[in-house]
Protein backbone atom coordinates (compact mmCIF):
# COMPACT_ATOMS: atom_id res chain seq x y z
CA MET A 1 0.00 0.00 0.00
CA ASN A 2 1.40 3.42 -0.83
CA SER A 3 1.65 6.18 1.78
CA SER A 4 -0.96 8.48 0.18
CA ARG A 5 -3.48 5.64 0.25
CA ASP A 6 -2.51 4.85 3.87
CA THR A 7 -3.20 8.47 4.81
CA ARG A 8 -6.57 8.46 3.01
CA ILE A 9 -7.62 5.22 4.73
CA GLN A 10 -6.57 6.52 8.14
CA GLN A 11 -8.61 9.69 7.57
CA THR A 12 -11.76 7.78 6.61
CA THR A 13 -11.53 4.80 8.97
CA PRO A 14 -11.58 5.53 12.69
CA ALA A 15 -9.55 3.37 15.05
CA ARG A 16 -11.34 0.43 16.69
CA PRO A 17 -10.00 0.06 20.24
CA PRO A 18 -8.59 -1.93 21.75
CA VAL A 19 -5.59 -1.64 19.45
CA PRO A 20 -2.40 -3.72 19.29
CA PRO A 21 -0.34 -4.73 21.10
CA PHE A 22 -3.06 -6.67 22.92
CA SER A 23 -3.14 -7.62 26.58
CA GLU A 24 -5.33 -10.55 27.59
CA ALA A 25 -8.06 -8.13 28.71
CA ASP A 26 -7.83 -6.33 25.34
CA ALA A 27 -8.12 -9.61 23.45
CA VAL A 28 -11.16 -10.69 25.48
CA ALA A 29 -12.78 -7.29 24.84
CA LYS A 30 -12.04 -7.53 21.10
CA VAL A 31 -13.63 -11.00 20.92
CA GLN A 32 -16.74 -9.85 22.79
CA ALA A 33 -17.05 -6.77 20.57
CA ALA A 34 -16.89 -9.01 17.48
CA GLU A 35 -19.54 -11.34 18.91
CA ASP A 36 -21.80 -8.40 19.76
CA ALA A 37 -21.41 -6.87 16.30
CA TRP A 38 -22.02 -10.11 14.39
CA ASN A 39 -25.14 -10.79 16.47
CA THR A 40 -26.66 -7.57 15.08
CA ARG A 41 -26.65 -9.25 11.63
CA ASP A 42 -25.97 -5.78 10.19
CA PRO A 43 -23.47 -6.15 7.31
CA ASP A 44 -22.80 -2.40 7.19
CA ARG A 45 -21.94 -2.21 10.89
CA VAL A 46 -19.89 -5.41 10.93
CA SER A 47 -17.87 -4.50 7.83
CA LEU A 48 -16.55 -1.34 9.51
CA ALA A 49 -14.40 -3.46 11.85
CA TYR A 50 -12.26 -4.53 8.88
CA THR A 51 -9.63 -2.62 6.91
CA PRO A 52 -10.82 -1.36 3.52
CA ASP A 53 -8.55 -3.99 1.92
CA SER A 54 -9.12 -6.80 4.46
CA VAL A 55 -8.59 -10.33 3.16
CA TRP A 56 -10.81 -13.22 4.26
CA ARG A 57 -11.01 -16.95 3.87
CA ASN A 58 -14.37 -18.19 5.09
CA ARG A 59 -14.67 -21.94 4.55
CA ASP A 60 -14.02 -22.22 0.79
CA THR A 61 -14.83 -18.61 -0.02
CA PHE A 62 -12.24 -15.86 -0.42
CA VAL A 63 -13.22 -12.18 -0.19
CA THR A 64 -11.20 -8.98 -0.26
CA GLY A 65 -12.28 -5.53 0.89
CA ARG A 66 -15.23 -4.08 2.73
CA ASP A 67 -17.59 -4.12 -0.25
CA GLU A 68 -17.09 -7.87 -0.73
CA ILE A 69 -17.30 -8.45 3.03
CA ARG A 70 -20.57 -6.50 3.22
CA ALA A 71 -22.03 -8.48 0.29
CA PHE A 72 -20.82 -11.78 1.76
CA LEU A 73 -22.42 -11.03 5.14
CA ALA A 74 -25.72 -9.85 3.61
CA ALA A 75 -26.00 -13.11 1.64
CA LYS A 76 -24.96 -15.16 4.69
CA TRP A 77 -27.67 -13.72 6.90
CA GLU A 78 -30.30 -14.10 4.17
CA ARG A 79 -29.73 -17.87 4.16
CA GLU A 80 -28.72 -18.36 7.83
CA LEU A 81 -31.95 -17.32 9.57
CA ASP A 82 -32.20 -16.75 13.34
CA TYR A 83 -28.38 -16.57 13.44
CA ALA A 84 -26.98 -16.37 16.99
CA LEU A 85 -23.26 -16.52 17.76
CA ARG A 86 -20.88 -17.16 20.67
CA LYS A 87 -17.11 -16.55 20.46
CA GLU A 88 -14.37 -17.47 22.91
CA LEU A 89 -10.76 -16.30 23.05
CA TRP A 90 -8.38 -19.17 22.30
CA THR A 91 -5.06 -17.31 22.33
CA PHE A 92 -3.52 -14.00 21.30
CA GLY A 93 -0.30 -12.21 20.38
CA ASP A 94 0.68 -8.60 19.83
CA ASP A 95 -1.55 -8.07 16.77
CA ARG A 96 -3.23 -11.48 16.40
CA ILE A 97 -6.12 -13.25 18.07
CA ALA A 98 -7.40 -16.81 17.65
CA VAL A 99 -10.96 -17.67 18.62
CA ARG A 100 -13.24 -20.65 18.68
CA PHE A 101 -16.91 -20.10 18.08
CA GLN A 102 -20.30 -21.70 17.75
CA TYR A 103 -23.39 -20.33 16.14
CA GLU A 104 -26.86 -21.65 15.48
CA TRP A 105 -29.23 -20.89 12.68
CA ARG A 106 -32.15 -22.12 10.61
CA ASP A 107 -32.09 -22.57 6.85
CA PRO A 108 -34.96 -21.43 4.58
CA ALA A 109 -36.30 -25.02 4.53
CA GLY A 110 -36.68 -24.92 8.35
CA ARG A 111 -33.75 -27.19 9.25
CA HIS A 112 -31.67 -26.15 12.26
CA TRP A 113 -27.87 -26.14 12.40
CA ARG A 114 -25.05 -25.60 14.85
CA SER A 115 -21.81 -24.41 13.26
CA TYR A 116 -18.47 -24.92 15.00
CA GLY A 117 -15.35 -23.08 14.00
CA ASN A 118 -12.01 -21.46 14.57
CA GLU A 119 -10.85 -18.09 13.34
CA LEU A 120 -7.44 -16.49 13.02
CA TRP A 121 -7.44 -12.70 13.11
CA GLU A 122 -4.70 -10.18 12.33
CA PHE A 123 -5.08 -6.45 13.10
CA ASP A 124 -3.53 -3.22 11.90
CA ALA A 125 -2.22 -0.56 14.29
CA ASP A 126 -5.68 1.06 14.48
CA GLY A 127 -7.36 -2.14 15.67
CA LEU A 128 -9.05 -2.90 12.34
CA MET A 129 -8.93 -6.52 11.21
CA ARG A 130 -6.81 -6.86 8.08
CA ARG A 131 -6.97 -10.65 7.80
CA ARG A 132 -9.53 -13.27 8.84
CA GLU A 133 -9.31 -17.01 8.23
CA ALA A 134 -12.28 -19.14 9.30
CA SER A 135 -12.69 -22.91 9.29
CA ILE A 136 -16.27 -23.99 9.99
CA ASN A 137 -18.23 -27.26 10.23
CA ASP A 138 -22.02 -27.47 10.25
CA VAL A 139 -23.91 -30.07 12.29
CA PRO A 140 -27.66 -30.60 11.88
CA ILE A 141 -29.63 -30.24 15.12
CA GLN A 142 -33.28 -30.33 16.10
CA ALA A 143 -35.03 -27.09 17.02
CA HIS A 144 -35.30 -28.19 20.67
CA GLU A 145 -31.50 -28.69 20.79
CA ARG A 146 -30.77 -25.02 20.20
CA ARG A 147 -28.92 -23.43 23.11
CA ILE A 148 -28.03 -20.08 21.55
CA HIS A 149 -31.10 -17.90 21.18
CA GLY A 150 -29.76 -14.43 20.53
CA PRO A 151 -27.07 -12.10 21.84
CA ARG A 152 -25.25 -13.29 24.93
CA PRO A 153 -26.82 -11.94 28.13
CA PRO A 154 -24.37 -10.02 30.38
CA HIS A 155 -24.32 -12.78 33.02
CA GLU A 156 -23.02 -15.29 30.41
CA ARG A 157 -20.13 -13.15 29.16
CA GLY A 158 -16.84 -14.94 29.54
CA ALA A 159 -18.46 -18.38 29.88
CA ALA A 160 -16.58 -21.15 28.08
CA LEU A 161 -18.22 -22.81 25.08
CA PRO A 162 -19.09 -26.49 25.39
CA LEU A 163 -17.07 -28.81 23.18
CA GLU A 164 -20.14 -30.36 21.56
């Protein structure tokens, strides 16, 4: 990236604290902020947490930049109905965070799913995510097996995710 473009991006993209280098408390806060944002199912809001040229791998899909991220998320939440997510910090470094997550959703045919995954995140100096790699597996469940029914209530923040 050239320096004039860097300046333009910095002027149009506000920092997203916490910013690197991350402490454990910073990493936990960053993970919770991501969970909270994704649970809004608002592609415009969520896409602002990523650099304008952010690179993603999500399962077998590769996207680059906020416009592609926004379109990807809009399509995701059109087919993954009643989406509700939980994330948990796995580990972190100065500008990187690894998380495990689970989310539940219903497809347009009415089948229910629980998706398990891991993500690797890398951040720029302003706390915007510049790289995201997600590996995800979907498991069919029955409606009565759902345990995630919306945003995490405050008393559940920090609770570990079950393995299965």
